[in-house]
Amino acid sequence: MSRVCELTGKKAMVGNNVSHSLNRTKRKFNVNLIKKRFYIPEEDKWITLKVSTSALKSINRLGISAMLKDAKSKGFLK
């Protein structure tokens, strides 16, 4: 599985390691992902999602139902 947030679509970025002598080598900035189970009361079921920690904060603020609806409208979920 790829390292992509299932709700926000966040994925790894590419950048440079910069040494003291300003030599640059490629590196990756990975997303901070967590595999988490959520309960959806409307459907009375549990789902498991791989979400970023920033998405987790949004879920705490907005609710899982609103985040799922938004992710489906943006095309991140089926």
N, C-alpha and C. Protein backbone atom coordinates (compact mmCIF):
# COMPACT_ATOMS: atom_id res chain seq x y z
N MET A 1 0.83 -1.20 0.00
CA MET A 1 0.00 0.00 0.00
C MET A 1 0.87 1.24 0.00
N SER A 2 0.38 2.25 -0.68
CA SER A 2 1.14 3.49 -0.75
C SER A 2 0.91 4.32 0.51
N ARG A 3 1.83 5.22 0.75
CA ARG A 3 1.74 6.07 1.93
C ARG A 3 0.97 7.34 1.58
N VAL A 4 -0.37 7.19 1.46
CA VAL A 4 -1.25 8.30 1.11
C VAL A 4 -2.40 8.31 2.10
N CYS A 5 -2.76 9.49 2.58
CA CYS A 5 -3.90 9.64 3.48
C CYS A 5 -5.18 9.39 2.69
N GLU A 6 -6.06 8.53 3.22
CA GLU A 6 -7.28 8.16 2.51
C GLU A 6 -8.35 9.25 2.57
N LEU A 7 -8.23 10.20 3.48
CA LEU A 7 -9.24 11.27 3.60
C LEU A 7 -8.81 12.58 2.95
N THR A 8 -7.53 12.90 3.02
CA THR A 8 -7.09 14.19 2.48
C THR A 8 -6.25 14.07 1.22
N GLY A 9 -5.76 12.87 0.92
CA GLY A 9 -4.94 12.68 -0.27
C GLY A 9 -3.50 13.14 -0.11
N LYS A 10 -3.09 13.45 1.12
CA LYS A 10 -1.70 13.87 1.34
C LYS A 10 -0.76 12.74 1.03
N LYS A 11 0.37 13.06 0.39
CA LYS A 11 1.39 12.05 0.09
C LYS A 11 2.76 12.66 0.24
N ALA A 12 3.80 11.84 0.04
CA ALA A 12 5.17 12.26 0.28
C ALA A 12 5.58 13.38 -0.68
N MET A 13 6.42 14.28 -0.16
CA MET A 13 7.01 15.35 -0.97
C MET A 13 8.49 15.04 -1.16
N VAL A 14 9.08 15.64 -2.20
CA VAL A 14 10.50 15.43 -2.47
C VAL A 14 11.23 16.73 -2.21
N GLY A 15 12.41 16.62 -1.60
CA GLY A 15 13.22 17.79 -1.32
C GLY A 15 14.69 17.43 -1.30
N ASN A 16 15.48 18.25 -0.65
CA ASN A 16 16.92 18.05 -0.59
C ASN A 16 17.41 17.98 0.84
N ASN A 17 18.39 17.10 1.09
CA ASN A 17 19.21 17.21 2.27
C ASN A 17 20.30 18.22 1.93
N VAL A 18 20.52 19.19 2.79
CA VAL A 18 21.54 20.20 2.52
C VAL A 18 22.59 20.10 3.62
N SER A 19 23.81 19.77 3.21
CA SER A 19 24.89 19.62 4.18
C SER A 19 25.45 21.00 4.55
N HIS A 20 26.39 20.99 5.48
CA HIS A 20 27.03 22.24 5.90
C HIS A 20 27.78 22.89 4.73
N SER A 21 28.31 22.06 3.83
CA SER A 21 29.02 22.60 2.66
C SER A 21 28.07 22.86 1.49
N LEU A 22 26.76 22.82 1.77
CA LEU A 22 25.69 23.10 0.80
C LEU A 22 25.61 22.09 -0.34
N ASN A 23 26.13 20.86 -0.11
CA ASN A 23 25.88 19.78 -1.06
C ASN A 23 24.43 19.35 -0.91
N ARG A 24 23.78 19.09 -2.03
CA ARG A 24 22.37 18.72 -1.99
C ARG A 24 22.17 17.30 -2.51
N THR A 25 21.46 16.48 -1.72
CA THR A 25 21.09 15.14 -2.16
C THR A 25 19.59 15.00 -1.95
N LYS A 26 18.95 14.21 -2.80
CA LYS A 26 17.50 14.05 -2.75
C LYS A 26 17.07 13.32 -1.48
N ARG A 27 15.90 13.69 -0.99
CA ARG A 27 15.30 13.01 0.15
C ARG A 27 13.79 13.09 0.02
N LYS A 28 13.09 12.33 0.86
CA LYS A 28 11.64 12.30 0.85
C LYS A 28 11.09 12.78 2.18
N PHE A 29 10.05 13.59 2.13
CA PHE A 29 9.33 14.00 3.32
C PHE A 29 8.04 13.18 3.36
N ASN A 30 8.03 12.10 4.16
CA ASN A 30 6.85 11.23 4.23
C ASN A 30 5.77 11.85 5.09
N VAL A 31 4.55 11.38 4.87
CA VAL A 31 3.39 11.84 5.63
C VAL A 31 3.32 11.04 6.93
N ASN A 32 2.90 11.69 8.00
CA ASN A 32 2.73 11.03 9.29
C ASN A 32 1.38 10.32 9.29
N LEU A 33 1.38 9.02 8.94
CA LEU A 33 0.14 8.26 8.80
C LEU A 33 -0.09 7.34 9.99
N ILE A 34 -1.37 7.14 10.31
CA ILE A 34 -1.79 6.25 11.39
C ILE A 34 -2.94 5.40 10.86
N LYS A 35 -2.89 4.09 11.14
CA LYS A 35 -4.01 3.21 10.80
C LYS A 35 -4.97 3.23 11.97
N LYS A 36 -6.22 3.66 11.74
CA LYS A 36 -7.15 3.93 12.83
C LYS A 36 -8.53 3.40 12.48
N ARG A 37 -9.22 2.85 13.49
CA ARG A 37 -10.61 2.41 13.32
C ARG A 37 -11.55 3.51 13.78
N PHE A 38 -12.62 3.73 13.00
CA PHE A 38 -13.63 4.73 13.33
C PHE A 38 -15.00 4.07 13.33
N TYR A 39 -15.85 4.50 14.27
CA TYR A 39 -17.23 4.02 14.33
C TYR A 39 -18.13 5.03 13.65
N ILE A 40 -18.96 4.55 12.72
CA ILE A 40 -19.90 5.41 12.03
C ILE A 40 -21.30 5.09 12.55
N PRO A 41 -21.88 5.96 13.38
CA PRO A 41 -23.18 5.64 13.99
C PRO A 41 -24.33 5.58 12.99
N GLU A 42 -24.27 6.36 11.90
CA GLU A 42 -25.35 6.35 10.92
C GLU A 42 -25.49 4.99 10.25
N GLU A 43 -24.36 4.33 9.98
CA GLU A 43 -24.35 3.03 9.33
C GLU A 43 -24.18 1.89 10.33
N ASP A 44 -23.95 2.22 11.59
CA ASP A 44 -23.75 1.26 12.67
C ASP A 44 -22.66 0.25 12.33
N LYS A 45 -21.49 0.77 11.90
CA LYS A 45 -20.37 -0.12 11.58
C LYS A 45 -19.04 0.57 11.84
N TRP A 46 -17.99 -0.23 11.91
CA TRP A 46 -16.63 0.25 12.10
C TRP A 46 -15.92 0.21 10.76
N ILE A 47 -15.06 1.21 10.49
CA ILE A 47 -14.22 1.19 9.30
C ILE A 47 -12.78 1.48 9.73
N THR A 48 -11.83 0.94 8.98
CA THR A 48 -10.42 1.17 9.24
C THR A 48 -9.87 2.03 8.11
N LEU A 49 -9.24 3.14 8.48
CA LEU A 49 -8.67 4.06 7.50
C LEU A 49 -7.22 4.35 7.85
N LYS A 50 -6.43 4.64 6.83
CA LYS A 50 -5.06 5.10 7.01
C LYS A 50 -5.11 6.62 6.82
N VAL A 51 -5.01 7.36 7.93
CA VAL A 51 -5.17 8.82 7.90
C VAL A 51 -3.92 9.51 8.43
N SER A 52 -3.73 10.73 7.98
CA SER A 52 -2.64 11.55 8.50
C SER A 52 -3.06 12.13 9.84
N THR A 53 -2.09 12.56 10.62
CA THR A 53 -2.42 13.10 11.93
C THR A 53 -3.16 14.43 11.81
N SER A 54 -2.91 15.19 10.75
CA SER A 54 -3.66 16.43 10.56
C SER A 54 -5.12 16.12 10.22
N ALA A 55 -5.37 15.03 9.50
CA ALA A 55 -6.75 14.61 9.22
C ALA A 55 -7.42 14.14 10.49
N LEU A 56 -6.66 13.52 11.38
CA LEU A 56 -7.19 13.07 12.65
C LEU A 56 -7.67 14.26 13.50
N LYS A 57 -6.91 15.35 13.46
CA LYS A 57 -7.33 16.56 14.17
C LYS A 57 -8.61 17.13 13.56
N SER A 58 -8.72 17.06 12.23
CA SER A 58 -9.93 17.55 11.56
C SER A 58 -11.13 16.67 11.91
N ILE A 59 -10.91 15.36 12.03
CA ILE A 59 -11.99 14.44 12.42
C ILE A 59 -12.47 14.77 13.82
N ASN A 60 -11.55 15.07 14.73
CA ASN A 60 -11.93 15.45 16.09
C ASN A 60 -12.73 16.74 16.11
N ARG A 61 -12.44 17.64 15.19
CA ARG A 61 -13.11 18.93 15.15
C ARG A 61 -14.45 18.85 14.41
N LEU A 62 -14.48 18.21 13.22
CA LEU A 62 -15.66 18.21 12.36
C LEU A 62 -16.52 16.97 12.48
N GLY A 63 -15.91 15.85 12.84
CA GLY A 63 -16.63 14.58 12.90
C GLY A 63 -16.28 13.71 11.72
N ILE A 64 -16.37 12.39 11.92
CA ILE A 64 -15.98 11.44 10.88
C ILE A 64 -16.95 11.49 9.70
N SER A 65 -18.23 11.69 9.96
CA SER A 65 -19.22 11.70 8.87
C SER A 65 -18.97 12.84 7.90
N ALA A 66 -18.67 14.02 8.43
CA ALA A 66 -18.41 15.19 7.58
C ALA A 66 -17.12 14.99 6.78
N MET A 67 -16.10 14.40 7.40
CA MET A 67 -14.84 14.17 6.69
C MET A 67 -15.00 13.12 5.59
N LEU A 68 -15.78 12.07 5.84
CA LEU A 68 -16.02 11.05 4.82
C LEU A 68 -16.79 11.64 3.65
N LYS A 69 -17.78 12.46 3.95
CA LYS A 69 -18.57 13.10 2.89
C LYS A 69 -17.69 14.01 2.03
N ASP A 70 -16.81 14.77 2.67
CA ASP A 70 -15.90 15.67 1.96
C ASP A 70 -14.89 14.88 1.12
N ALA A 71 -14.38 13.77 1.66
CA ALA A 71 -13.41 12.95 0.94
C ALA A 71 -14.05 12.30 -0.30
N LYS A 72 -15.30 11.87 -0.16
CA LYS A 72 -16.00 11.28 -1.31
C LYS A 72 -16.26 12.32 -2.39
N SER A 73 -16.58 13.55 -1.99
CA SER A 73 -16.85 14.60 -2.99
C SER A 73 -15.57 15.01 -3.72
N LYS A 74 -14.42 14.91 -3.05
CA LYS A 74 -13.14 15.24 -3.69
C LYS A 74 -12.53 14.06 -4.44
N GLY A 75 -13.12 12.86 -4.28
CA GLY A 75 -12.66 11.70 -5.02
C GLY A 75 -11.57 10.88 -4.35
N PHE A 76 -11.32 11.09 -3.06
CA PHE A 76 -10.29 10.32 -2.37
C PHE A 76 -10.81 8.96 -1.92
N LEU A 77 -12.10 8.85 -1.68
CA LEU A 77 -12.73 7.58 -1.29
C LEU A 77 -13.67 7.12 -2.39
N LYS A 78 -13.94 5.82 -2.41
CA LYS A 78 -14.84 5.26 -3.42
C LYS A 78 -16.28 5.60 -3.11
